[in-house]
Amino acid sequence: MLILFFLELLEYHLKINLVVPTYMKQKLKKAMVSIGKKVVVVAGYSKFNSQGLRSFASFEDIDILITSSLVDMAIIDEIRNFGVEVIIAQVKE
């Protein structure tokens, strides 16, 4: 059985990984990541400059990140160092 979860990234912080602002979102997303066979995170470029309070996953838990070409490539390179496949959608600024 294939279990594939697409999670919207609400906020991101490289030192504390993937974060959300509330306890309920943290609990739900942690559960989804723990049972997912493949975890895909979708994150718009604006999510890479914010900080949440509650971590729900580390980058080692993520298989694929889908984001836009507006994200700083230095951040993308750091995420790839965790073994995450990064898919970049080309967008106009």
Foldseek 3Di string as FASTA:
>chain_A
DAFEDEAEQQAADQVQGGADADPVVLVVLLVSLVPHPAYEYEYEQVRDPDDHDGDNDHLLSHAEYEYEPVHDVVVVVSSVVSVHHYHYHYDDD
